[in-house]
């Protein structure tokens, strides 16, 4: 159960399990991380799958996965195919054609990864002592993972709720960013929350508005002020400045040059508070029918965040 607001950590102690799931069809072994309430018992728990950014890893957003688990969710994340499959790895001396083919391989494997993970988790694996509720399944992802969260429902009917964090998929993408496409061929109604950053250099706000307008109802978008693309991962200050200062060439160097120093942006703590709160509220409202969570999203969010020194912009529907 949630506390006074979705911003607060939940009352439940968390268990964390590392698993390996073998996909015999693609001959791949996926490292997985699972978070859930300790002593959950036999009652099935609502399941949230987390999808990481391109080349990321399953523990990219533990600030969020642990928060959801502390409120009674079974949360799972995998290292996606581009991380585990040798044939999809970057290679020295790639030609532009080889690099483009590799990128298409990354894209082609993302949704099958999610379907495999859902099959694995919903089958009740013996290695996991808690059960997932097949009727309450949500997905949250960041960047390439945000695109994954929006693309998976085209072919995955088990997904009932989506949170897309700064998702890829706009028709115009910057050089150096994966060219992703979204069709939104969803066969059932899926409440969707977009959480985006107003100073995102890699995936700018105009592209977020474009994706949002294309998405089916019901939908909502909230904008995190003074935040860039890496405000959605753990250790924001560390990774933002590391990317901004690392030696890069070509398209990535151009992105790098546009990034503002972290001292000019909101803190990682503020960003995580915001993201945790709205993500939990969305899943509580849509998977649990929690009216308190609905009220938070419909109006309380601005006042609650303002009391903590933060502002937000909300957009309801197209």
C-alpha atoms as a PDB file:
ATOM      1  CA  UNK A   1       0.000   0.000   0.000  1.00  0.00           C
ATOM      2  CA  UNK A   2       1.198   3.529  -0.716  1.00  0.00           C
ATOM      3  CA  UNK A   3       1.828   6.062   2.044  1.00  0.00           C
ATOM      4  CA  UNK A   4       0.637   9.687   2.182  1.00  0.00           C
ATOM      5  CA  UNK A   5       2.117  10.396  -1.252  1.00  0.00           C
ATOM      6  CA  UNK A   6       3.736   8.181  -3.884  1.00  0.00           C
ATOM      7  CA  UNK A   7       6.960  10.151  -3.361  1.00  0.00           C
ATOM      8  CA  UNK A   8       7.780   8.349  -0.118  1.00  0.00           C
ATOM      9  CA  UNK A   9       9.505   5.011   0.062  1.00  0.00           C
ATOM     10  CA  UNK A  10       7.049   2.207   0.802  1.00  0.00           C
ATOM     11  CA  UNK A  11       6.796   0.372   4.116  1.00  0.00           C
ATOM     12  CA  UNK A  12       7.902  -3.020   2.795  1.00  0.00           C
ATOM     13  CA  UNK A  13      11.386  -4.503   3.115  1.00  0.00           C
ATOM     14  CA  UNK A  14      12.835  -5.555  -0.228  1.00  0.00           C
ATOM     15  CA  UNK A  15      14.330  -8.841  -1.385  1.00  0.00           C
ATOM     16  CA  UNK A  16      16.635  -8.803  -4.422  1.00  0.00           C
ATOM     17  CA  UNK A  17      17.400 -11.836  -6.565  1.00  0.00           C
ATOM     18  CA  UNK A  18      19.822 -12.281  -9.454  1.00  0.00           C
ATOM     19  CA  UNK A  19      18.674 -14.884 -11.997  1.00  0.00           C
ATOM     20  CA  UNK A  20      19.706 -16.197 -15.375  1.00  0.00           C
ATOM     21  CA  UNK A  21      17.003 -16.888 -17.952  1.00  0.00           C
ATOM     22  CA  UNK A  22      17.935 -19.052 -20.930  1.00  0.00           C
ATOM     23  CA  UNK A  23      16.330 -18.314 -24.288  1.00  0.00           C
ATOM     24  CA  UNK A  24      16.906 -21.573 -26.175  1.00  0.00           C
ATOM     25  CA  UNK A  25      15.346 -20.213 -29.372  1.00  0.00           C
ATOM     26  CA  UNK A  26      17.960 -17.462 -29.695  1.00  0.00           C
ATOM     27  CA  UNK A  27      20.678 -19.327 -27.768  1.00  0.00           C
ATOM     28  CA  UNK A  28      21.129 -16.518 -25.244  1.00  0.00           C
ATOM     29  CA  UNK A  29      21.408 -16.377 -21.475  1.00  0.00           C
ATOM     30  CA  UNK A  30      19.965 -13.203 -19.995  1.00  0.00           C
ATOM     31  CA  UNK A  31      21.095 -11.959 -16.576  1.00  0.00           C
ATOM     32  CA  UNK A  32      18.014 -10.705 -14.762  1.00  0.00           C
ATOM     33  CA  UNK A  33      17.445  -8.788 -11.550  1.00  0.00           C
ATOM     34  CA  UNK A  34      14.236  -9.104  -9.567  1.00  0.00           C
ATOM     35  CA  UNK A  35      13.039  -6.935  -6.682  1.00  0.00           C
ATOM     36  CA  UNK A  36       9.999  -7.771  -4.543  1.00  0.00           C
ATOM     37  CA  UNK A  37       8.648  -7.361  -0.995  1.00  0.00           C
ATOM     38  CA  UNK A  38      10.133  -9.742   1.547  1.00  0.00           C
ATOM     39  CA  UNK A  39       7.651 -12.292   2.838  1.00  0.00           C
ATOM     40  CA  UNK A  40       5.206 -11.594   0.025  1.00  0.00           C
ATOM     41  CA  UNK A  41       3.618 -15.022   0.443  1.00  0.00           C
ATOM     42  CA  UNK A  42       1.551 -16.841  -2.150  1.00  0.00           C
ATOM     43  CA  UNK A  43      -0.605 -13.907  -3.272  1.00  0.00           C
ATOM     44  CA  UNK A  44       0.361 -12.913  -6.852  1.00  0.00           C
ATOM     45  CA  UNK A  45       1.932  -9.467  -7.149  1.00  0.00           C
ATOM     46  CA  UNK A  46       1.479  -6.886  -9.904  1.00  0.00           C
ATOM     47  CA  UNK A  47       4.474  -7.152 -12.224  1.00  0.00           C
ATOM     48  CA  UNK A  48       6.514  -4.241 -13.583  1.00  0.00           C
ATOM     49  CA  UNK A  49       9.231  -4.845 -16.183  1.00  0.00           C
ATOM     50  CA  UNK A  50      11.999  -2.244 -16.498  1.00  0.00           C
ATOM     51  CA  UNK A  51      13.773  -1.741 -19.859  1.00  0.00           C
ATOM     52  CA  UNK A  52      17.157   0.013 -19.841  1.00  0.00           C
ATOM     53  CA  UNK A  53      18.693   2.529 -22.276  1.00  0.00           C
ATOM     54  CA  UNK A  54      20.821   1.422 -25.236  1.00  0.00           C
ATOM     55  CA  UNK A  55      23.890  -0.474 -24.100  1.00  0.00           C
ATOM     56  CA  UNK A  56      22.797  -0.063 -20.471  1.00  0.00           C
ATOM     57  CA  UNK A  57      22.144  -2.768 -17.906  1.00  0.00           C
ATOM     58  CA  UNK A  58      19.460  -4.216 -15.658  1.00  0.00           C
ATOM     59  CA  UNK A  59      20.562  -2.145 -12.635  1.00  0.00           C
ATOM     60  CA  UNK A  60      20.497   1.203 -14.443  1.00  0.00           C
ATOM     61  CA  UNK A  61      17.604   2.598 -12.350  1.00  0.00           C
ATOM     62  CA  UNK A  62      17.596   0.936  -8.936  1.00  0.00           C
ATOM     63  CA  UNK A  63      16.275   4.193  -7.433  1.00  0.00           C
ATOM     64  CA  UNK A  64      13.024   3.354  -9.259  1.00  0.00           C
ATOM     65  CA  UNK A  65      12.923  -0.457  -9.183  1.00  0.00           C
ATOM     66  CA  UNK A  66      13.475  -0.592  -5.416  1.00  0.00           C
ATOM     67  CA  UNK A  67      10.872   2.134  -4.854  1.00  0.00           C
ATOM     68  CA  UNK A  68       8.224   0.164  -6.722  1.00  0.00           C
ATOM     69  CA  UNK A  69       9.123  -3.041  -4.863  1.00  0.00           C
ATOM     70  CA  UNK A  70       8.830  -1.261  -1.505  1.00  0.00           C
ATOM     71  CA  UNK A  71       5.211  -0.501  -2.449  1.00  0.00           C
ATOM     72  CA  UNK A  72       4.318  -4.117  -3.169  1.00  0.00           C
ATOM     73  CA  UNK A  73       5.323  -4.686  -6.804  1.00  0.00           C
ATOM     74  CA  UNK A  74       7.325  -7.505  -8.316  1.00  0.00           C
ATOM     75  CA  UNK A  75       9.853  -5.663 -10.502  1.00  0.00           C
ATOM     76  CA  UNK A  76      12.163  -7.300 -13.019  1.00  0.00           C
ATOM     77  CA  UNK A  77      14.855  -6.108 -15.417  1.00  0.00           C
ATOM     78  CA  UNK A  78      17.135  -7.892 -17.859  1.00  0.00           C
ATOM     79  CA  UNK A  79      20.344  -7.083 -19.678  1.00  0.00           C
ATOM     80  CA  UNK A  80      18.986  -6.674 -23.208  1.00  0.00           C
ATOM     81  CA  UNK A  81      20.320  -8.542 -26.257  1.00  0.00           C
ATOM     82  CA  UNK A  82      22.760  -5.824 -27.312  1.00  0.00           C
ATOM     83  CA  UNK A  83      24.518  -6.396 -23.973  1.00  0.00           C
ATOM     84  CA  UNK A  84      24.590 -10.222 -23.954  1.00  0.00           C
ATOM     85  CA  UNK A  85      24.798 -11.279 -27.625  1.00  0.00           C
ATOM     86  CA  UNK A  86      28.369 -11.202 -29.042  1.00  0.00           C
ATOM     87  CA  UNK A  87      27.093 -10.775 -32.595  1.00  0.00           C
ATOM     88  CA  UNK A  88      25.442  -7.491 -31.582  1.00  0.00           C
ATOM     89  CA  UNK A  89      28.509  -6.033 -29.877  1.00  0.00           C
ATOM     90  CA  UNK A  90      30.406  -3.013 -31.213  1.00  0.00           C
ATOM     91  CA  UNK A  91      33.493  -3.928 -33.219  1.00  0.00           C
ATOM     92  CA  UNK A  92      36.638  -1.989 -33.975  1.00  0.00           C
ATOM     93  CA  UNK A  93      36.847  -0.576 -37.472  1.00  0.00           C
ATOM     94  CA  UNK A  94      33.154  -0.894 -38.319  1.00  0.00           C
ATOM     95  CA  UNK A  95      32.051   0.560 -41.616  1.00  0.00           C
ATOM     96  CA  UNK A  96      28.974   2.816 -41.569  1.00  0.00           C
ATOM     97  CA  UNK A  97      27.008  -0.036 -43.177  1.00  0.00           C
ATOM     98  CA  UNK A  98      28.096  -2.498 -40.492  1.00  0.00           C
ATOM     99  CA  UNK A  99      27.245  -0.004 -37.761  1.00  0.00           C
ATOM    100  CA  UNK A 100      23.785   0.553 -39.248  1.00  0.00           C
ATOM    101  CA  UNK A 101      23.203  -3.215 -39.495  1.00  0.00           C
ATOM    102  CA  UNK A 102      24.215  -3.649 -35.874  1.00  0.00           C
ATOM    103  CA  UNK A 103      21.823  -0.887 -34.811  1.00  0.00           C
ATOM    104  CA  UNK A 104      18.995  -2.626 -36.659  1.00  0.00           C
ATOM    105  CA  UNK A 105      19.893  -5.820 -34.817  1.00  0.00           C
ATOM    106  CA  UNK A 106      19.613  -4.013 -31.513  1.00  0.00           C
ATOM    107  CA  UNK A 107      16.190  -2.657 -32.503  1.00  0.00           C
ATOM    108  CA  UNK A 108      14.889  -5.986 -33.836  1.00  0.00           C
ATOM    109  CA  UNK A 109      15.697  -7.794 -30.579  1.00  0.00           C
ATOM    110  CA  UNK A 110      14.232  -5.373 -28.076  1.00  0.00           C
ATOM    111  CA  UNK A 111      10.548  -6.401 -28.143  1.00  0.00           C
ATOM    112  CA  UNK A 112      11.362 -10.138 -28.376  1.00  0.00           C
ATOM    113  CA  UNK A 113      13.489  -9.633 -25.245  1.00  0.00           C
ATOM    114  CA  UNK A 114      10.481  -8.259 -23.362  1.00  0.00           C
ATOM    115  CA  UNK A 115       8.195 -11.043 -24.568  1.00  0.00           C
ATOM    116  CA  UNK A 116      10.746 -13.643 -23.498  1.00  0.00           C
ATOM    117  CA  UNK A 117      11.099 -12.054 -20.050  1.00  0.00           C
ATOM    118  CA  UNK A 118       7.318 -11.979 -19.576  1.00  0.00           C
ATOM    119  CA  UNK A 119       7.054 -15.639 -20.631  1.00  0.00           C
ATOM    120  CA  UNK A 120       9.763 -16.518 -18.130  1.00  0.00           C
ATOM    121  CA  UNK A 121       8.316 -14.554 -15.205  1.00  0.00           C
ATOM    122  CA  UNK A 122       4.670 -15.442 -15.771  1.00  0.00           C
ATOM    123  CA  UNK A 123       5.487 -19.147 -16.021  1.00  0.00           C
ATOM    124  CA  UNK A 124       6.298 -19.129 -12.302  1.00  0.00           C
ATOM    125  CA  UNK A 125       9.999 -20.043 -12.404  1.00  0.00           C
ATOM    126  CA  UNK A 126      11.104 -22.299  -9.568  1.00  0.00           C
ATOM    127  CA  UNK A 127      14.027 -19.971  -8.836  1.00  0.00           C
ATOM    128  CA  UNK A 128      11.586 -17.254  -7.772  1.00  0.00           C
ATOM    129  CA  UNK A 129       9.549 -17.676  -4.583  1.00  0.00           C
ATOM    130  CA  UNK A 130       6.913 -15.068  -5.509  1.00  0.00           C
ATOM    131  CA  UNK A 131       4.288 -15.134  -8.242  1.00  0.00           C
ATOM    132  CA  UNK A 132       3.367 -12.495 -10.801  1.00  0.00           C
ATOM    133  CA  UNK A 133      -0.244 -11.517 -11.453  1.00  0.00           C
ATOM    134  CA  UNK A 134      -0.885 -12.182 -15.144  1.00  0.00           C
ATOM    135  CA  UNK A 135      -3.691  -9.610 -15.205  1.00  0.00           C
ATOM    136  CA  UNK A 136      -1.632  -6.742 -13.760  1.00  0.00           C
ATOM    137  CA  UNK A 137       1.453  -6.258 -15.902  1.00  0.00           C
ATOM    138  CA  UNK A 138       3.148  -2.927 -16.548  1.00  0.00           C
ATOM    139  CA  UNK A 139       6.338  -1.790 -18.255  1.00  0.00           C
ATOM    140  CA  UNK A 140       8.603   1.205 -17.695  1.00  0.00           C
ATOM    141  CA  UNK A 141      11.656   2.060 -19.763  1.00  0.00           C
ATOM    142  CA  UNK A 142      14.129   4.861 -20.389  1.00  0.00           C
ATOM    143  CA  UNK A 143      15.343   6.158 -23.770  1.00  0.00           C
ATOM    144  CA  UNK A 144      15.709   3.060 -26.008  1.00  0.00           C
ATOM    145  CA  UNK A 145      13.898   1.322 -23.156  1.00  0.00           C
ATOM    146  CA  UNK A 146      11.161   3.966 -23.334  1.00  0.00           C
ATOM    147  CA  UNK A 147      10.760   3.151 -27.013  1.00  0.00           C
ATOM    148  CA  UNK A 148      10.703  -0.549 -26.063  1.00  0.00           C
ATOM    149  CA  UNK A 149       7.912   0.107 -23.569  1.00  0.00           C
ATOM    150  CA  UNK A 150       5.857   1.852 -26.266  1.00  0.00           C
ATOM    151  CA  UNK A 151       6.633  -0.648 -29.043  1.00  0.00           C
ATOM    152  CA  UNK A 152       6.013  -3.861 -27.098  1.00  0.00           C
ATOM    153  CA  UNK A 153       2.196  -3.470 -26.840  1.00  0.00           C
ATOM    154  CA  UNK A 154       1.980  -3.717 -30.653  1.00  0.00           C
ATOM    155  CA  UNK A 155       2.483  -7.473 -30.243  1.00  0.00           C
ATOM    156  CA  UNK A 156       2.238  -8.064 -26.486  1.00  0.00           C
ATOM    157  CA  UNK A 157      -1.359  -8.131 -25.164  1.00  0.00           C
ATOM    158  CA  UNK A 158      -0.335  -8.884 -21.576  1.00  0.00           C
ATOM    159  CA  UNK A 159       0.906  -5.332 -20.996  1.00  0.00           C
ATOM    160  CA  UNK A 160      -1.800  -3.256 -19.286  1.00  0.00           C
ATOM    161  CA  UNK A 161       0.046  -0.064 -18.304  1.00  0.00           C
ATOM    162  CA  UNK A 162       3.071   1.856 -19.671  1.00  0.00           C
ATOM    163  CA  UNK A 163       5.474   4.501 -18.362  1.00  0.00           C
ATOM    164  CA  UNK A 164       7.856   5.891 -21.006  1.00  0.00           C
ATOM    165  CA  UNK A 165      10.819   7.847 -19.624  1.00  0.00           C
ATOM    166  CA  UNK A 166      12.288  10.177 -22.285  1.00  0.00           C
ATOM    167  CA  UNK A 167      11.489   7.633 -25.020  1.00  0.00           C
ATOM    168  CA  UNK A 168      13.060   7.362 -28.448  1.00  0.00           C
ATOM    169  CA  UNK A 169      10.874   7.147 -31.547  1.00  0.00           C
ATOM    170  CA  UNK A 170      10.422  10.686 -32.856  1.00  0.00           C
ATOM    171  CA  UNK A 171      10.438  11.018 -36.645  1.00  0.00           C
ATOM    172  CA  UNK A 172      13.431  13.357 -36.573  1.00  0.00           C
ATOM    173  CA  UNK A 173      16.327  12.139 -34.470  1.00  0.00           C
ATOM    174  CA  UNK A 174      19.735  13.681 -34.023  1.00  0.00           C
ATOM    175  CA  UNK A 175      22.751  12.081 -35.717  1.00  0.00           C
ATOM    176  CA  UNK A 176      24.242   9.467 -33.434  1.00  0.00           C
ATOM    177  CA  UNK A 177      20.844   8.561 -31.909  1.00  0.00           C
ATOM    178  CA  UNK A 178      19.153   5.268 -32.817  1.00  0.00           C
ATOM    179  CA  UNK A 179      16.579   5.738 -35.627  1.00  0.00           C
ATOM    180  CA  UNK A 180      13.482   4.298 -33.992  1.00  0.00           C
ATOM    181  CA  UNK A 181       9.916   4.084 -35.266  1.00  0.00           C
ATOM    182  CA  UNK A 182       6.643   3.751 -33.371  1.00  0.00           C
ATOM    183  CA  UNK A 183       3.435   2.441 -34.963  1.00  0.00           C
ATOM    184  CA  UNK A 184       1.113   2.285 -31.929  1.00  0.00           C
ATOM    185  CA  UNK A 185      -0.791  -0.705 -33.309  1.00  0.00           C
ATOM    186  CA  UNK A 186      -2.239  -1.476 -29.892  1.00  0.00           C
ATOM    187  CA  UNK A 187      -5.202  -3.836 -29.722  1.00  0.00           C
ATOM    188  CA  UNK A 188      -6.514  -2.731 -26.332  1.00  0.00           C
ATOM    189  CA  UNK A 189      -6.589   0.384 -24.174  1.00  0.00           C
ATOM    190  CA  UNK A 190      -3.331   0.931 -22.288  1.00  0.00           C
ATOM    191  CA  UNK A 191      -3.014   3.924 -19.931  1.00  0.00           C
ATOM    192  CA  UNK A 192       0.324   5.574 -20.696  1.00  0.00           C
ATOM    193  CA  UNK A 193       2.428   8.095 -18.812  1.00  0.00           C
ATOM    194  CA  UNK A 194       5.240  10.019 -20.503  1.00  0.00           C
ATOM    195  CA  UNK A 195       7.891  11.455 -18.175  1.00  0.00           C
ATOM    196  CA  UNK A 196      10.260  13.711 -20.106  1.00  0.00           C
ATOM    197  CA  UNK A 197      12.983  16.307 -19.488  1.00  0.00           C
ATOM    198  CA  UNK A 198      12.837  19.908 -20.683  1.00  0.00           C
ATOM    199  CA  UNK A 199      16.610  20.204 -21.303  1.00  0.00           C
ATOM    200  CA  UNK A 200      17.142  16.806 -22.923  1.00  0.00           C
ATOM    201  CA  UNK A 201      19.867  17.202 -25.530  1.00  0.00           C
ATOM    202  CA  UNK A 202      19.752  13.669 -26.954  1.00  0.00           C
ATOM    203  CA  UNK A 203      15.951  13.402 -27.249  1.00  0.00           C
ATOM    204  CA  UNK A 204      14.612  16.966 -27.237  1.00  0.00           C
ATOM    205  CA  UNK A 205      11.224  18.037 -26.002  1.00  0.00           C
ATOM    206  CA  UNK A 206       9.726  18.671 -29.453  1.00  0.00           C
ATOM    207  CA  UNK A 207      10.178  14.983 -30.256  1.00  0.00           C
ATOM    208  CA  UNK A 208       8.495  14.051 -26.971  1.00  0.00           C
ATOM    209  CA  UNK A 209       5.470  16.136 -27.931  1.00  0.00           C
ATOM    210  CA  UNK A 210       5.349  14.446 -31.334  1.00  0.00           C
ATOM    211  CA  UNK A 211       5.361  10.937 -29.829  1.00  0.00           C
ATOM    212  CA  UNK A 212       2.814  11.956 -27.214  1.00  0.00           C
ATOM    213  CA  UNK A 213       0.404  13.305 -29.817  1.00  0.00           C
ATOM    214  CA  UNK A 214       0.605  10.010 -31.770  1.00  0.00           C
ATOM    215  CA  UNK A 215       0.024   7.793 -28.741  1.00  0.00           C
ATOM    216  CA  UNK A 216      -3.473   6.409 -28.103  1.00  0.00           C
ATOM    217  CA  UNK A 217      -5.637   7.627 -25.242  1.00  0.00           C
ATOM    218  CA  UNK A 218      -5.663   7.469 -22.273  1.00  0.00           C
ATOM    219  CA  UNK A 219      -2.356   9.247 -21.852  1.00  0.00           C
ATOM    220  CA  UNK A 220      -0.634  11.879 -19.774  1.00  0.00           C
ATOM    221  CA  UNK A 221       2.705  13.661 -19.970  1.00  0.00           C
ATOM    222  CA  UNK A 222       4.673  15.323 -17.191  1.00  0.00           C
ATOM    223  CA  UNK A 223       7.822  17.351 -17.794  1.00  0.00           C
ATOM    224  CA  UNK A 224      10.763  17.363 -15.410  1.00  0.00           C
ATOM    225  CA  UNK A 225      12.258  20.876 -15.374  1.00  0.00           C
ATOM    226  CA  UNK A 226      15.988  21.600 -15.657  1.00  0.00           C
ATOM    227  CA  UNK A 227      16.826  17.984 -16.504  1.00  0.00           C
ATOM    228  CA  UNK A 228      18.773  16.234 -19.257  1.00  0.00           C
ATOM    229  CA  UNK A 229      18.701  12.691 -20.618  1.00  0.00           C
ATOM    230  CA  UNK A 230      20.751  11.064 -17.852  1.00  0.00           C
ATOM    231  CA  UNK A 231      18.539  12.345 -15.031  1.00  0.00           C
ATOM    232  CA  UNK A 232      16.581   9.094 -15.423  1.00  0.00           C
ATOM    233  CA  UNK A 233      19.406   6.745 -14.313  1.00  0.00           C
ATOM    234  CA  UNK A 234      21.237   6.072 -11.048  1.00  0.00           C
ATOM    235  CA  UNK A 235      24.145   8.367 -10.097  1.00  0.00           C
ATOM    236  CA  UNK A 236      22.930  11.254 -12.233  1.00  0.00           C
ATOM    237  CA  UNK A 237      25.729  13.689 -11.433  1.00  0.00           C
ATOM    238  CA  UNK A 238      28.432  11.080 -12.057  1.00  0.00           C
ATOM    239  CA  UNK A 239      27.138   9.857 -15.429  1.00  0.00           C
ATOM    240  CA  UNK A 240      26.038  13.244 -16.768  1.00  0.00           C
ATOM    241  CA  UNK A 241      29.462  14.778 -16.192  1.00  0.00           C
ATOM    242  CA  UNK A 242      31.302  11.628 -17.315  1.00  0.00           C
ATOM    243  CA  UNK A 243      29.508  11.709 -20.673  1.00  0.00           C
ATOM    244  CA  UNK A 244      29.887  15.460 -21.003  1.00  0.00           C
ATOM    245  CA  UNK A 245      33.667  15.304 -20.515  1.00  0.00           C
ATOM    246  CA  UNK A 246      34.720  12.017 -22.114  1.00  0.00           C
ATOM    247  CA  UNK A 247      36.769  12.201 -25.351  1.00  0.00           C
ATOM    248  CA  UNK A 248      34.306  11.745 -28.209  1.00  0.00           C
ATOM    249  CA  UNK A 249      34.279  12.430 -31.917  1.00  0.00           C
ATOM    250  CA  UNK A 250      31.677  12.977 -34.614  1.00  0.00           C
ATOM    251  CA  UNK A 251      27.962  13.044 -33.858  1.00  0.00           C
ATOM    252  CA  UNK A 252      28.316  12.194 -30.172  1.00  0.00           C
ATOM    253  CA  UNK A 253      30.779  15.045 -29.693  1.00  0.00           C
ATOM    254  CA  UNK A 254      28.163  17.425 -31.104  1.00  0.00           C
ATOM    255  CA  UNK A 255      25.592  16.178 -28.591  1.00  0.00           C
ATOM    256  CA  UNK A 256      28.168  16.506 -25.858  1.00  0.00           C
ATOM    257  CA  UNK A 257      28.864  20.134 -26.746  1.00  0.00           C
ATOM    258  CA  UNK A 258      25.189  21.036 -26.251  1.00  0.00           C
ATOM    259  CA  UNK A 259      24.943  19.578 -22.753  1.00  0.00           C
ATOM    260  CA  UNK A 260      24.791  21.976 -19.830  1.00  0.00           C
ATOM    261  CA  UNK A 261      26.957  21.393 -16.747  1.00  0.00           C
ATOM    262  CA  UNK A 262      25.145  19.484 -14.018  1.00  0.00           C
ATOM    263  CA  UNK A 263      25.438  22.550 -11.756  1.00  0.00           C
ATOM    264  CA  UNK A 264      22.975  24.334 -14.063  1.00  0.00           C
ATOM    265  CA  UNK A 265      20.423  21.504 -13.872  1.00  0.00           C
ATOM    266  CA  UNK A 266      18.307  19.941 -11.161  1.00  0.00           C
ATOM    267  CA  UNK A 267      19.943  17.453  -8.831  1.00  0.00           C
ATOM    268  CA  UNK A 268      19.708  13.703  -9.226  1.00  0.00           C
ATOM    269  CA  UNK A 269      17.880  13.552  -5.903  1.00  0.00           C
ATOM    270  CA  UNK A 270      15.190  15.944  -7.113  1.00  0.00           C
ATOM    271  CA  UNK A 271      14.827  14.129 -10.442  1.00  0.00           C
ATOM    272  CA  UNK A 272      14.518  10.737  -8.789  1.00  0.00           C
ATOM    273  CA  UNK A 273      11.934  11.995  -6.319  1.00  0.00           C
ATOM    274  CA  UNK A 274       9.839  13.261  -9.223  1.00  0.00           C
ATOM    275  CA  UNK A 275      10.229  10.133 -11.392  1.00  0.00           C
ATOM    276  CA  UNK A 276       9.587   7.685  -8.543  1.00  0.00           C
ATOM    277  CA  UNK A 277       6.468   9.535  -7.466  1.00  0.00           C
ATOM    278  CA  UNK A 278       4.717   9.873 -10.817  1.00  0.00           C
ATOM    279  CA  UNK A 279       5.678   6.364 -11.970  1.00  0.00           C
ATOM    280  CA  UNK A 280       4.345   4.724  -8.815  1.00  0.00           C
ATOM    281  CA  UNK A 281       1.186   6.842  -8.910  1.00  0.00           C
ATOM    282  CA  UNK A 282       0.540   5.832 -12.527  1.00  0.00           C
ATOM    283  CA  UNK A 283       0.887   2.124 -11.821  1.00  0.00           C
ATOM    284  CA  UNK A 284      -1.112   2.355  -8.590  1.00  0.00           C
ATOM    285  CA  UNK A 285      -3.907   4.157 -10.419  1.00  0.00           C
ATOM    286  CA  UNK A 286      -3.986   1.894 -13.481  1.00  0.00           C
ATOM    287  CA  UNK A 287      -3.065  -1.553 -12.133  1.00  0.00           C
ATOM    288  CA  UNK A 288      -4.557  -1.256  -8.641  1.00  0.00           C
ATOM    289  CA  UNK A 289      -7.388   1.227  -9.172  1.00  0.00           C
ATOM    290  CA  UNK A 290      -6.032   3.393  -6.345  1.00  0.00           C
ATOM    291  CA  UNK A 291      -8.074   6.602  -6.134  1.00  0.00           C
ATOM    292  CA  UNK A 292      -5.486   8.394  -3.996  1.00  0.00           C
ATOM    293  CA  UNK A 293      -2.956   7.846  -6.776  1.00  0.00           C
ATOM    294  CA  UNK A 294      -5.417   9.184  -9.360  1.00  0.00           C
ATOM    295  CA  UNK A 295      -5.948  12.327  -7.305  1.00  0.00           C
ATOM    296  CA  UNK A 296      -2.199  12.810  -7.005  1.00  0.00           C
ATOM    297  CA  UNK A 297      -1.783  12.674 -10.780  1.00  0.00           C
ATOM    298  CA  UNK A 298      -4.860  14.793 -11.471  1.00  0.00           C
ATOM    299  CA  UNK A 299      -3.939  17.691  -9.227  1.00  0.00           C
ATOM    300  CA  UNK A 300      -1.987  17.030  -6.082  1.00  0.00           C
ATOM    301  CA  UNK A 301       1.300  16.490  -7.897  1.00  0.00           C
ATOM    302  CA  UNK A 302       2.035  20.170  -8.542  1.00  0.00           C
ATOM    303  CA  UNK A 303       1.328  21.249  -4.973  1.00  0.00           C
ATOM    304  CA  UNK A 304       3.191  18.300  -3.492  1.00  0.00           C
ATOM    305  CA  UNK A 305       6.313  18.892  -5.557  1.00  0.00           C
ATOM    306  CA  UNK A 306       6.156  22.661  -5.057  1.00  0.00           C
ATOM    307  CA  UNK A 307       6.254  22.056  -1.303  1.00  0.00           C
ATOM    308  CA  UNK A 308       9.561  20.268  -1.889  1.00  0.00           C
ATOM    309  CA  UNK A 309      11.017  23.050  -4.000  1.00  0.00           C
ATOM    310  CA  UNK A 310      10.207  21.548  -7.414  1.00  0.00           C
ATOM    311  CA  UNK A 311       7.930  22.521 -10.261  1.00  0.00           C
ATOM    312  CA  UNK A 312       6.340  20.411 -12.975  1.00  0.00           C
ATOM    313  CA  UNK A 313       4.366  20.813 -16.163  1.00  0.00           C
ATOM    314  CA  UNK A 314       1.528  18.398 -16.892  1.00  0.00           C
ATOM    315  CA  UNK A 315      -0.238  17.708 -20.172  1.00  0.00           C
ATOM    316  CA  UNK A 316      -3.457  15.682 -20.109  1.00  0.00           C
ATOM    317  CA  UNK A 317      -4.396  13.980 -23.362  1.00  0.00           C
ATOM    318  CA  UNK A 318      -3.908  15.161 -26.900  1.00  0.00           C
END
